[in-house]
């Protein structure tokens, strides 16, 4: 399969149950649409790759914008419980054609999405989508030559974007014995995110987690306490 690193990354997310509620596939290569469909069918265990009642796909006609009415249909679809499995999945092709009203409606969906909902946006560029949307999603690039790097591990993206109540679930899957290695990679992930989009929030987060890593490395702090500090550093009132 083309883009093996992307497909392997997504397969690992499924196997380890580190799934995000939103993904942005971006780049000039239209093969991203095939990967999106493959990913959706793998999640739905749809081996025939034909019609599935829990899969919804929208796309603009020719050069027209994707209207807010289509996004409302998407919302109605996602709010219903899955018919056959664990997930309801929506794929938005040519997401760069979402107009301002549609994107704001989509943002509302992201903020209120039920746990079974997964949205995949396929766009030519990530900056054609509101930052308030992409910041809540896992971003994967699709170029003619596959990038050597992918976003941080699935768990890092989920920790950063998921509701506070779900974060302990991700932490429990890591295992306390891997705390030092985890924090080292987590800090590298935060540094990369800060380089791409520096904010005061990320400065505080990076500083706090460097302190946690130092305590893990130099003292006998209980790894569970370290993870508690991490989650508290992500908490927003």
C-alpha atoms as a PDB file:
ATOM      1  CA  UNK A   1       0.000   0.000   0.000  1.00  0.00           C
ATOM      2  CA  UNK A   2       1.159   3.526  -0.764  1.00  0.00           C
ATOM      3  CA  UNK A   3       2.121   5.576   2.319  1.00  0.00           C
ATOM      4  CA  UNK A   4       2.942   2.507   4.452  1.00  0.00           C
ATOM      5  CA  UNK A   5       4.018   4.632   7.428  1.00  0.00           C
ATOM      6  CA  UNK A   6       0.604   6.297   7.560  1.00  0.00           C
ATOM      7  CA  UNK A   7      -1.276   3.006   7.238  1.00  0.00           C
ATOM      8  CA  UNK A   8       0.968   1.351   9.862  1.00  0.00           C
ATOM      9  CA  UNK A   9       0.429   4.287  12.211  1.00  0.00           C
ATOM     10  CA  UNK A  10      -3.353   4.083  11.817  1.00  0.00           C
ATOM     11  CA  UNK A  11      -3.311   0.302  12.261  1.00  0.00           C
ATOM     12  CA  UNK A  12      -1.374   0.686  15.519  1.00  0.00           C
ATOM     13  CA  UNK A  13      -3.918   3.245  16.739  1.00  0.00           C
ATOM     14  CA  UNK A  14      -6.697   0.722  16.095  1.00  0.00           C
ATOM     15  CA  UNK A  15      -4.811  -2.179  17.696  1.00  0.00           C
ATOM     16  CA  UNK A  16      -3.951  -0.174  20.833  1.00  0.00           C
ATOM     17  CA  UNK A  17      -7.324   1.605  20.974  1.00  0.00           C
ATOM     18  CA  UNK A  18      -5.638   5.028  20.834  1.00  0.00           C
ATOM     19  CA  UNK A  19      -8.136   6.605  18.461  1.00  0.00           C
ATOM     20  CA  UNK A  20      -8.871  10.284  18.004  1.00  0.00           C
ATOM     21  CA  UNK A  21     -12.366  11.569  17.305  1.00  0.00           C
ATOM     22  CA  UNK A  22     -10.961  13.585  14.372  1.00  0.00           C
ATOM     23  CA  UNK A  23      -8.299  13.269  11.667  1.00  0.00           C
ATOM     24  CA  UNK A  24      -7.095  15.671   8.980  1.00  0.00           C
ATOM     25  CA  UNK A  25      -5.518  14.016   5.942  1.00  0.00           C
ATOM     26  CA  UNK A  26      -3.857  16.747   3.880  1.00  0.00           C
ATOM     27  CA  UNK A  27      -1.643  17.053   0.820  1.00  0.00           C
ATOM     28  CA  UNK A  28      -1.872  17.143  -2.983  1.00  0.00           C
ATOM     29  CA  UNK A  29      -2.074  13.364  -3.399  1.00  0.00           C
ATOM     30  CA  UNK A  30      -5.692  12.221  -3.795  1.00  0.00           C
ATOM     31  CA  UNK A  31      -4.662   8.777  -2.533  1.00  0.00           C
ATOM     32  CA  UNK A  32      -5.457  10.193   0.913  1.00  0.00           C
ATOM     33  CA  UNK A  33      -9.136   9.553   0.102  1.00  0.00           C
ATOM     34  CA  UNK A  34      -8.395   5.855  -0.432  1.00  0.00           C
ATOM     35  CA  UNK A  35      -6.500   5.692   2.857  1.00  0.00           C
ATOM     36  CA  UNK A  36      -9.426   7.403   4.586  1.00  0.00           C
ATOM     37  CA  UNK A  37     -11.843   4.805   3.199  1.00  0.00           C
ATOM     38  CA  UNK A  38      -9.463   1.959   4.072  1.00  0.00           C
ATOM     39  CA  UNK A  39      -9.124   3.286   7.639  1.00  0.00           C
ATOM     40  CA  UNK A  40     -12.896   3.661   8.012  1.00  0.00           C
ATOM     41  CA  UNK A  41     -13.582   0.150   6.719  1.00  0.00           C
ATOM     42  CA  UNK A  42     -10.895  -1.294   8.996  1.00  0.00           C
ATOM     43  CA  UNK A  43     -12.523   0.383  11.998  1.00  0.00           C
ATOM     44  CA  UNK A  44     -15.944  -0.843  10.914  1.00  0.00           C
ATOM     45  CA  UNK A  45     -14.600  -4.334  10.083  1.00  0.00           C
ATOM     46  CA  UNK A  46     -16.197  -3.935   6.688  1.00  0.00           C
ATOM     47  CA  UNK A  47     -14.262  -6.488   4.658  1.00  0.00           C
ATOM     48  CA  UNK A  48     -16.358  -6.056   1.528  1.00  0.00           C
ATOM     49  CA  UNK A  49     -15.556  -2.307   1.400  1.00  0.00           C
ATOM     50  CA  UNK A  50     -19.053  -1.713   0.077  1.00  0.00           C
ATOM     51  CA  UNK A  51     -21.921   0.271   1.574  1.00  0.00           C
ATOM     52  CA  UNK A  52     -21.961   0.362   5.362  1.00  0.00           C
ATOM     53  CA  UNK A  53     -24.738   2.003   7.441  1.00  0.00           C
ATOM     54  CA  UNK A  54     -22.194   3.481   9.880  1.00  0.00           C
ATOM     55  CA  UNK A  55     -20.128   5.220   7.192  1.00  0.00           C
ATOM     56  CA  UNK A  56     -21.106   8.615   5.774  1.00  0.00           C
ATOM     57  CA  UNK A  57     -19.146  10.428   3.058  1.00  0.00           C
ATOM     58  CA  UNK A  58     -19.696  13.943   1.711  1.00  0.00           C
ATOM     59  CA  UNK A  59     -18.022  15.851  -1.091  1.00  0.00           C
ATOM     60  CA  UNK A  60     -18.692  19.072  -2.937  1.00  0.00           C
ATOM     61  CA  UNK A  61     -19.956  19.029  -6.518  1.00  0.00           C
ATOM     62  CA  UNK A  62     -17.390  20.456  -8.968  1.00  0.00           C
ATOM     63  CA  UNK A  63     -16.288  23.876  -7.694  1.00  0.00           C
ATOM     64  CA  UNK A  64     -19.144  24.434  -5.274  1.00  0.00           C
ATOM     65  CA  UNK A  65     -18.580  24.950  -1.560  1.00  0.00           C
ATOM     66  CA  UNK A  66     -19.597  22.325   0.971  1.00  0.00           C
ATOM     67  CA  UNK A  67     -22.733  23.821   2.435  1.00  0.00           C
ATOM     68  CA  UNK A  68     -23.791  23.977   6.058  1.00  0.00           C
ATOM     69  CA  UNK A  69     -26.762  21.760   5.154  1.00  0.00           C
ATOM     70  CA  UNK A  70     -24.387  18.893   4.351  1.00  0.00           C
ATOM     71  CA  UNK A  71     -22.601  19.412   7.666  1.00  0.00           C
ATOM     72  CA  UNK A  72     -25.964  19.322   9.445  1.00  0.00           C
ATOM     73  CA  UNK A  73     -26.672  15.984   7.755  1.00  0.00           C
ATOM     74  CA  UNK A  74     -23.285  14.792   8.997  1.00  0.00           C
ATOM     75  CA  UNK A  75     -24.149  15.882  12.543  1.00  0.00           C
ATOM     76  CA  UNK A  76     -27.491  14.080  12.442  1.00  0.00           C
ATOM     77  CA  UNK A  77     -25.732  10.925  11.220  1.00  0.00           C
ATOM     78  CA  UNK A  78     -23.082  11.041  13.969  1.00  0.00           C
ATOM     79  CA  UNK A  79     -25.549  11.601  16.803  1.00  0.00           C
ATOM     80  CA  UNK A  80     -27.306   8.307  16.022  1.00  0.00           C
ATOM     81  CA  UNK A  81     -25.972   5.176  17.689  1.00  0.00           C
ATOM     82  CA  UNK A  82     -23.939   2.785  15.492  1.00  0.00           C
ATOM     83  CA  UNK A  83     -26.028   0.210  13.667  1.00  0.00           C
ATOM     84  CA  UNK A  84     -23.517  -2.636  13.519  1.00  0.00           C
ATOM     85  CA  UNK A  85     -20.389  -1.879  15.531  1.00  0.00           C
ATOM     86  CA  UNK A  86     -18.617   0.572  17.827  1.00  0.00           C
ATOM     87  CA  UNK A  87     -18.252   3.593  15.543  1.00  0.00           C
ATOM     88  CA  UNK A  88     -20.031   6.027  13.268  1.00  0.00           C
ATOM     89  CA  UNK A  89     -17.518   7.438  10.776  1.00  0.00           C
ATOM     90  CA  UNK A  90     -17.830  10.458   8.497  1.00  0.00           C
ATOM     91  CA  UNK A  91     -15.399  11.263   5.684  1.00  0.00           C
ATOM     92  CA  UNK A  92     -15.390  14.804   4.274  1.00  0.00           C
ATOM     93  CA  UNK A  93     -13.599  14.889   0.923  1.00  0.00           C
ATOM     94  CA  UNK A  94     -12.240  18.179  -0.451  1.00  0.00           C
ATOM     95  CA  UNK A  95     -12.657  19.655   3.017  1.00  0.00           C
ATOM     96  CA  UNK A  96     -10.909  22.828   1.832  1.00  0.00           C
ATOM     97  CA  UNK A  97     -14.268  23.665   0.221  1.00  0.00           C
ATOM     98  CA  UNK A  98     -16.035  23.902   3.574  1.00  0.00           C
ATOM     99  CA  UNK A  99     -17.239  27.489   3.765  1.00  0.00           C
ATOM    100  CA  UNK A 100     -16.954  29.569   6.947  1.00  0.00           C
ATOM    101  CA  UNK A 101     -20.427  28.637   8.165  1.00  0.00           C
ATOM    102  CA  UNK A 102     -19.792  24.942   7.491  1.00  0.00           C
ATOM    103  CA  UNK A 103     -16.478  25.001   9.350  1.00  0.00           C
ATOM    104  CA  UNK A 104     -18.039  26.666  12.381  1.00  0.00           C
ATOM    105  CA  UNK A 105     -20.794  24.056  12.377  1.00  0.00           C
ATOM    106  CA  UNK A 106     -18.157  21.331  12.094  1.00  0.00           C
ATOM    107  CA  UNK A 107     -16.254  22.812  15.043  1.00  0.00           C
ATOM    108  CA  UNK A 108     -19.438  22.541  17.096  1.00  0.00           C
ATOM    109  CA  UNK A 109     -19.662  18.872  16.150  1.00  0.00           C
ATOM    110  CA  UNK A 110     -16.058  18.323  17.291  1.00  0.00           C
ATOM    111  CA  UNK A 111     -16.818  19.960  20.630  1.00  0.00           C
ATOM    112  CA  UNK A 112     -19.943  17.875  21.250  1.00  0.00           C
ATOM    113  CA  UNK A 113     -19.150  14.635  19.410  1.00  0.00           C
ATOM    114  CA  UNK A 114     -20.280  11.394  21.091  1.00  0.00           C
ATOM    115  CA  UNK A 115     -17.562   8.827  21.846  1.00  0.00           C
ATOM    116  CA  UNK A 116     -18.566   6.619  18.922  1.00  0.00           C
ATOM    117  CA  UNK A 117     -18.071   9.432  16.362  1.00  0.00           C
ATOM    118  CA  UNK A 118     -14.968   9.725  14.167  1.00  0.00           C
ATOM    119  CA  UNK A 119     -14.571  12.403  11.479  1.00  0.00           C
ATOM    120  CA  UNK A 120     -11.923  12.286   8.750  1.00  0.00           C
ATOM    121  CA  UNK A 121     -11.291  15.494   6.801  1.00  0.00           C
ATOM    122  CA  UNK A 122      -9.445  15.178   3.501  1.00  0.00           C
ATOM    123  CA  UNK A 123      -7.990  18.470   2.252  1.00  0.00           C
ATOM    124  CA  UNK A 124      -5.245  19.749  -0.049  1.00  0.00           C
ATOM    125  CA  UNK A 125      -3.730  21.867   2.715  1.00  0.00           C
ATOM    126  CA  UNK A 126      -4.135  21.896   6.481  1.00  0.00           C
ATOM    127  CA  UNK A 127      -4.225  25.689   6.621  1.00  0.00           C
ATOM    128  CA  UNK A 128      -7.440  25.676   4.562  1.00  0.00           C
ATOM    129  CA  UNK A 129      -9.157  24.377   7.714  1.00  0.00           C
ATOM    130  CA  UNK A 130      -9.713  26.509  10.820  1.00  0.00           C
ATOM    131  CA  UNK A 131      -6.940  26.105  13.379  1.00  0.00           C
ATOM    132  CA  UNK A 132      -9.597  25.567  16.048  1.00  0.00           C
ATOM    133  CA  UNK A 133     -10.565  22.432  14.102  1.00  0.00           C
ATOM    134  CA  UNK A 134      -7.106  21.085  13.184  1.00  0.00           C
ATOM    135  CA  UNK A 135      -5.841  21.611  16.747  1.00  0.00           C
ATOM    136  CA  UNK A 136      -8.458  19.079  17.868  1.00  0.00           C
ATOM    137  CA  UNK A 137      -7.440  16.506  15.269  1.00  0.00           C
ATOM    138  CA  UNK A 138      -4.577  14.195  14.354  1.00  0.00           C
ATOM    139  CA  UNK A 139      -2.943  15.590  11.202  1.00  0.00           C
ATOM    140  CA  UNK A 140      -1.365  13.293   8.598  1.00  0.00           C
ATOM    141  CA  UNK A 141       0.343  14.589   5.468  1.00  0.00           C
ATOM    142  CA  UNK A 142       0.115  13.018   1.999  1.00  0.00           C
ATOM    143  CA  UNK A 143       2.787  14.037  -0.481  1.00  0.00           C
ATOM    144  CA  UNK A 144       4.282  12.240  -3.479  1.00  0.00           C
ATOM    145  CA  UNK A 145       7.231  11.228  -1.292  1.00  0.00           C
ATOM    146  CA  UNK A 146       6.096  10.118   2.119  1.00  0.00           C
ATOM    147  CA  UNK A 147       7.379  12.248   4.958  1.00  0.00           C
ATOM    148  CA  UNK A 148       9.866  10.578   7.284  1.00  0.00           C
ATOM    149  CA  UNK A 149       7.999  11.832  10.319  1.00  0.00           C
ATOM    150  CA  UNK A 150       4.471  11.373  11.561  1.00  0.00           C
ATOM    151  CA  UNK A 151       2.707  13.098  14.429  1.00  0.00           C
ATOM    152  CA  UNK A 152       3.636  11.945  17.927  1.00  0.00           C
ATOM    153  CA  UNK A 153       2.333   8.593  19.053  1.00  0.00           C
ATOM    154  CA  UNK A 154      -1.423   8.185  19.026  1.00  0.00           C
ATOM    155  CA  UNK A 155      -1.541   8.514  22.784  1.00  0.00           C
ATOM    156  CA  UNK A 156       0.157  11.938  22.693  1.00  0.00           C
ATOM    157  CA  UNK A 157      -2.427  13.348  20.279  1.00  0.00           C
ATOM    158  CA  UNK A 158      -5.235  11.857  22.327  1.00  0.00           C
ATOM    159  CA  UNK A 159      -3.874  13.250  25.584  1.00  0.00           C
ATOM    160  CA  UNK A 160      -3.647  16.684  24.002  1.00  0.00           C
ATOM    161  CA  UNK A 161      -7.066  16.766  22.332  1.00  0.00           C
ATOM    162  CA  UNK A 162      -9.352  14.497  24.385  1.00  0.00           C
ATOM    163  CA  UNK A 163     -11.714  15.555  27.175  1.00  0.00           C
ATOM    164  CA  UNK A 164     -10.178  15.410  30.659  1.00  0.00           C
ATOM    165  CA  UNK A 165     -12.356  12.464  31.673  1.00  0.00           C
ATOM    166  CA  UNK A 166     -10.815  10.248  28.971  1.00  0.00           C
ATOM    167  CA  UNK A 167      -7.160  10.966  29.698  1.00  0.00           C
ATOM    168  CA  UNK A 168      -6.809   8.494  32.550  1.00  0.00           C
ATOM    169  CA  UNK A 169      -7.971   5.754  30.182  1.00  0.00           C
ATOM    170  CA  UNK A 170      -5.056   6.468  27.852  1.00  0.00           C
ATOM    171  CA  UNK A 171      -2.578   6.642  30.729  1.00  0.00           C
ATOM    172  CA  UNK A 172      -3.730   3.280  32.093  1.00  0.00           C
ATOM    173  CA  UNK A 173      -2.813   1.635  28.800  1.00  0.00           C
ATOM    174  CA  UNK A 174       0.790   2.865  28.977  1.00  0.00           C
ATOM    175  CA  UNK A 175       1.927   1.126  32.148  1.00  0.00           C
ATOM    176  CA  UNK A 176       3.724   2.772  35.045  1.00  0.00           C
ATOM    177  CA  UNK A 177       6.967   0.926  34.308  1.00  0.00           C
ATOM    178  CA  UNK A 178       7.442   2.966  31.119  1.00  0.00           C
ATOM    179  CA  UNK A 179       7.028   6.363  32.743  1.00  0.00           C
ATOM    180  CA  UNK A 180      10.552   7.728  32.174  1.00  0.00           C
ATOM    181  CA  UNK A 181      10.578   6.756  28.490  1.00  0.00           C
ATOM    182  CA  UNK A 182       7.048   8.070  28.054  1.00  0.00           C
ATOM    183  CA  UNK A 183       7.828  11.517  29.501  1.00  0.00           C
ATOM    184  CA  UNK A 184      10.976  11.814  27.377  1.00  0.00           C
ATOM    185  CA  UNK A 185       8.953  11.234  24.189  1.00  0.00           C
ATOM    186  CA  UNK A 186       6.022  13.345  25.463  1.00  0.00           C
ATOM    187  CA  UNK A 187       8.342  16.330  25.993  1.00  0.00           C
ATOM    188  CA  UNK A 188       9.768  15.864  22.475  1.00  0.00           C
ATOM    189  CA  UNK A 189       6.196  15.888  21.161  1.00  0.00           C
ATOM    190  CA  UNK A 190       5.414  19.120  23.050  1.00  0.00           C
ATOM    191  CA  UNK A 191       8.597  20.754  21.739  1.00  0.00           C
ATOM    192  CA  UNK A 192       7.629  19.916  18.160  1.00  0.00           C
ATOM    193  CA  UNK A 193       4.137  21.269  18.718  1.00  0.00           C
ATOM    194  CA  UNK A 194       5.583  24.452  20.235  1.00  0.00           C
ATOM    195  CA  UNK A 195       7.899  24.971  17.229  1.00  0.00           C
ATOM    196  CA  UNK A 196       4.944  24.640  14.866  1.00  0.00           C
ATOM    197  CA  UNK A 197       2.555  26.804  16.897  1.00  0.00           C
ATOM    198  CA  UNK A 198       4.115  28.600  19.899  1.00  0.00           C
ATOM    199  CA  UNK A 199       1.640  29.654  22.584  1.00  0.00           C
ATOM    200  CA  UNK A 200       1.824  30.665  26.256  1.00  0.00           C
ATOM    201  CA  UNK A 201      -0.188  27.558  27.096  1.00  0.00           C
ATOM    202  CA  UNK A 202       2.461  25.327  25.493  1.00  0.00           C
ATOM    203  CA  UNK A 203       5.253  27.177  27.309  1.00  0.00           C
ATOM    204  CA  UNK A 204       3.599  26.401  30.660  1.00  0.00           C
ATOM    205  CA  UNK A 205       2.865  22.825  29.638  1.00  0.00           C
ATOM    206  CA  UNK A 206       6.416  22.186  28.455  1.00  0.00           C
ATOM    207  CA  UNK A 207       7.942  23.750  31.590  1.00  0.00           C
ATOM    208  CA  UNK A 208       5.694  21.713  33.895  1.00  0.00           C
ATOM    209  CA  UNK A 209       6.385  18.426  32.159  1.00  0.00           C
ATOM    210  CA  UNK A 210      10.125  19.017  32.062  1.00  0.00           C
ATOM    211  CA  UNK A 211       9.898  19.405  35.833  1.00  0.00           C
ATOM    212  CA  UNK A 212       7.994  16.109  36.109  1.00  0.00           C
ATOM    213  CA  UNK A 213      10.598  14.368  33.952  1.00  0.00           C
ATOM    214  CA  UNK A 214      13.396  15.749  36.150  1.00  0.00           C
ATOM    215  CA  UNK A 215      11.696  14.401  39.285  1.00  0.00           C
ATOM    216  CA  UNK A 216      11.235  10.986  37.690  1.00  0.00           C
ATOM    217  CA  UNK A 217      14.875  10.904  36.639  1.00  0.00           C
ATOM    218  CA  UNK A 218      16.418  12.239  39.849  1.00  0.00           C
ATOM    219  CA  UNK A 219      14.090  11.128  42.664  1.00  0.00           C
ATOM    220  CA  UNK A 220      11.954   8.179  43.645  1.00  0.00           C
ATOM    221  CA  UNK A 221       8.649   9.776  42.719  1.00  0.00           C
ATOM    222  CA  UNK A 222       5.865   7.256  42.140  1.00  0.00           C
ATOM    223  CA  UNK A 223       5.154   7.066  38.351  1.00  0.00           C
ATOM    224  CA  UNK A 224       1.409   7.215  39.069  1.00  0.00           C
ATOM    225  CA  UNK A 225       1.901  10.577  40.776  1.00  0.00           C
ATOM    226  CA  UNK A 226       3.881  11.738  37.741  1.00  0.00           C
ATOM    227  CA  UNK A 227       0.980  10.818  35.457  1.00  0.00           C
ATOM    228  CA  UNK A 228      -1.429  12.603  37.800  1.00  0.00           C
ATOM    229  CA  UNK A 229       0.691  15.753  37.499  1.00  0.00           C
ATOM    230  CA  UNK A 230       0.668  15.421  33.713  1.00  0.00           C
ATOM    231  CA  UNK A 231      -3.117  15.191  33.551  1.00  0.00           C
ATOM    232  CA  UNK A 232      -3.507  18.134  35.929  1.00  0.00           C
ATOM    233  CA  UNK A 233      -1.153  20.173  33.730  1.00  0.00           C
ATOM    234  CA  UNK A 234      -3.526  19.553  30.795  1.00  0.00           C
ATOM    235  CA  UNK A 235      -6.665  20.350  32.745  1.00  0.00           C
ATOM    236  CA  UNK A 236      -8.615  23.420  31.668  1.00  0.00           C
ATOM    237  CA  UNK A 237     -11.294  24.872  33.990  1.00  0.00           C
END
